[in-house]
Amino acid sequence: MVERQVCVYERTAARADAVQASGLEPLDRLRGVLMQAASITDDKHEEARVWVGFLAAALADPELARLHQAHNRAFLRRVQHLLATCRPDWSQDQTGRRAKALVALVEGLNALAVVDPDAYSPAAQQTAIEAALHQIRTE
């Protein structure tokens, strides 16, 4: 199980690296990273299903919990860094709080989409992420 989960994290990180390396504007890079982590395609839905299973198993397995925590914190740092480039006027505390909210939004959408794909369709996930990005733009 650990190998399969590491593979999911590696694929997600590679997609995020590609978005970050693009010449997009800061907010578009943040959008791209969040969207690549969301379960808005069939293959990403399968990754989310594996992630939810891994998260459940991590509750009883300290090694899996440490692995999950390390990768989640790396994603959190990535999102916070991107937020700081989007909103250089925000303090580190502000970007930290907002990064946690964005990561929780994406990961929550992924978990819910696994068990209720009709209510948490790709369009619903995209709409939720866009609403969060709109707040970042306009605050």
Protein backbone atom coordinates (compact mmCIF):
# COMPACT_ATOMS: atom_id res chain seq x y z
CA MET A 1 0.00 0.00 0.00
CA VAL A 2 2.84 2.39 0.80
CA GLU A 3 4.34 2.02 -2.68
CA ARG A 4 1.02 2.76 -4.38
CA GLN A 5 0.46 5.84 -2.24
CA VAL A 6 3.99 7.13 -2.83
CA CYS A 7 3.35 6.76 -6.55
CA VAL A 8 0.18 8.88 -6.24
CA TYR A 9 2.09 11.57 -4.37
CA GLU A 10 4.91 11.52 -6.91
CA ARG A 11 2.51 11.91 -9.85
CA THR A 12 0.67 14.75 -8.11
CA ALA A 13 3.94 16.50 -7.25
CA ALA A 14 5.26 16.13 -10.81
CA ARG A 15 2.08 17.71 -12.21
CA ALA A 16 2.33 20.54 -9.68
CA ASP A 17 6.02 21.07 -10.54
CA ALA A 18 5.08 21.41 -14.21
CA VAL A 19 2.41 23.99 -13.42
CA GLN A 20 4.77 25.96 -11.21
CA ALA A 21 7.45 25.96 -13.89
CA SER A 22 5.04 27.33 -16.48
CA GLY A 23 5.08 30.97 -17.49
CA LEU A 24 1.59 31.52 -16.10
CA GLU A 25 0.68 34.45 -13.88
CA PRO A 26 0.87 33.69 -10.13
CA LEU A 27 -2.88 33.21 -9.62
CA ASP A 28 -3.07 30.95 -12.67
CA ARG A 29 -0.21 28.84 -11.29
CA LEU A 30 -2.07 28.53 -7.99
CA ARG A 31 -5.25 27.59 -9.86
CA GLY A 32 -3.33 25.03 -11.89
CA VAL A 33 -1.80 23.40 -8.82
CA LEU A 34 -5.16 23.20 -7.07
CA MET A 35 -6.95 21.87 -10.14
CA GLN A 36 -4.31 19.22 -10.79
CA ALA A 37 -4.82 18.00 -7.23
CA ALA A 38 -8.62 17.91 -7.55
CA SER A 39 -10.37 14.75 -8.73
CA ILE A 40 -11.80 16.29 -11.90
CA THR A 41 -10.76 13.54 -14.35
CA ASP A 42 -11.20 9.78 -14.22
CA ASP A 43 -7.53 9.15 -13.43
CA LYS A 44 -7.51 11.79 -10.69
CA HIS A 45 -10.74 10.33 -9.27
CA GLU A 46 -8.93 6.98 -9.00
CA GLU A 47 -5.99 8.71 -7.30
CA ALA A 48 -8.43 10.29 -4.84
CA ARG A 49 -9.96 6.89 -4.12
CA VAL A 50 -6.49 5.51 -3.34
CA TRP A 51 -5.72 8.58 -1.21
CA VAL A 52 -8.90 8.14 0.86
CA GLY A 53 -8.05 4.48 1.44
CA PHE A 54 -4.53 5.44 2.44
CA LEU A 55 -5.82 8.13 4.81
CA ALA A 56 -8.16 5.62 6.50
CA ALA A 57 -5.33 3.10 6.87
CA ALA A 58 -3.04 5.81 8.24
CA LEU A 59 -5.28 6.16 11.27
CA ALA A 60 -4.03 2.79 12.53
CA ASP A 61 -0.52 2.75 11.05
CA PRO A 62 2.08 5.25 12.32
CA GLU A 63 4.35 4.71 9.29
CA LEU A 64 1.52 5.49 6.87
CA ALA A 65 0.50 8.45 9.02
CA ARG A 66 4.03 9.89 8.87
CA LEU A 67 4.14 9.44 5.11
CA HIS A 68 0.76 11.09 4.65
CA GLN A 69 1.72 13.96 6.95
CA ALA A 70 5.00 14.59 5.12
CA HIS A 71 3.36 14.73 1.69
CA ASN A 72 0.44 16.78 2.92
CA ARG A 73 2.79 19.30 4.48
CA ALA A 74 4.78 19.52 1.25
CA PHE A 75 1.54 20.30 -0.62
CA LEU A 76 0.65 22.85 2.06
CA ARG A 77 4.05 24.57 1.71
CA ARG A 78 3.66 24.64 -2.07
CA VAL A 79 0.23 26.26 -1.84
CA GLN A 80 1.43 28.77 0.76
CA HIS A 81 4.38 29.73 -1.44
CA LEU A 82 2.08 30.23 -4.42
CA LEU A 83 -0.29 32.33 -2.29
CA ALA A 84 2.61 34.50 -1.20
CA THR A 85 3.45 35.19 -4.85
CA CYS A 86 -0.20 36.01 -5.56
CA ARG A 87 -0.63 38.20 -2.51
CA PRO A 88 2.72 39.67 -1.46
CA ASP A 89 0.76 42.13 0.69
CA TRP A 90 -0.38 39.30 2.99
CA SER A 91 1.58 38.25 6.05
CA GLN A 92 3.01 34.77 6.42
CA ASP A 93 0.25 34.07 8.95
CA GLN A 94 -2.42 35.11 6.42
CA THR A 95 -0.96 32.97 3.64
CA GLY A 96 -0.57 30.06 6.06
CA ARG A 97 -4.20 30.20 7.16
CA ARG A 98 -5.47 30.55 3.61
CA ALA A 99 -3.21 27.76 2.34
CA LYS A 100 -4.66 25.41 4.95
CA ALA A 101 -8.16 26.38 3.87
CA LEU A 102 -7.35 25.74 0.19
CA VAL A 103 -5.70 22.39 0.88
CA ALA A 104 -8.63 21.37 3.10
CA LEU A 105 -11.04 22.43 0.36
CA VAL A 106 -9.32 20.36 -2.33
CA GLU A 107 -8.73 17.31 -0.14
CA GLY A 108 -12.27 17.50 1.24
CA LEU A 109 -13.69 17.70 -2.26
CA ASN A 110 -11.59 14.69 -3.24
CA ALA A 111 -12.80 12.63 -0.30
CA LEU A 112 -16.44 13.55 -0.86
CA ALA A 113 -16.22 12.97 -4.61
CA VAL A 114 -15.02 9.43 -3.98
CA VAL A 115 -18.26 8.51 -2.18
CA ASP A 116 -20.65 10.94 -3.91
CA PRO A 117 -19.41 11.75 -7.40
CA ASP A 118 -22.79 13.13 -8.48
CA ALA A 119 -22.90 15.83 -5.79
CA TYR A 120 -19.16 16.55 -6.07
CA SER A 121 -18.81 16.37 -9.83
CA PRO A 122 -15.79 17.82 -11.59
CA ALA A 123 -17.84 20.95 -12.37
CA ALA A 124 -18.85 21.33 -8.70
CA GLN A 125 -15.22 20.95 -7.63
CA GLN A 126 -14.03 23.51 -10.17
CA THR A 127 -16.74 25.95 -9.06
CA ALA A 128 -15.72 25.61 -5.40
CA ILE A 129 -12.04 26.18 -6.21
CA GLU A 130 -12.84 29.17 -8.42
CA ALA A 131 -14.95 30.70 -5.62
CA ALA A 132 -12.01 30.37 -3.22
CA LEU A 133 -9.67 31.93 -5.77
CA HIS A 134 -12.11 34.79 -6.33
CA GLN A 135 -11.91 35.60 -2.62
CA ILE A 136 -8.13 35.64 -2.79
CA ARG A 137 -8.23 38.03 -5.77
CA THR A 138 -10.71 40.44 -4.21
CA GLU A 139 -9.72 40.64 -0.54
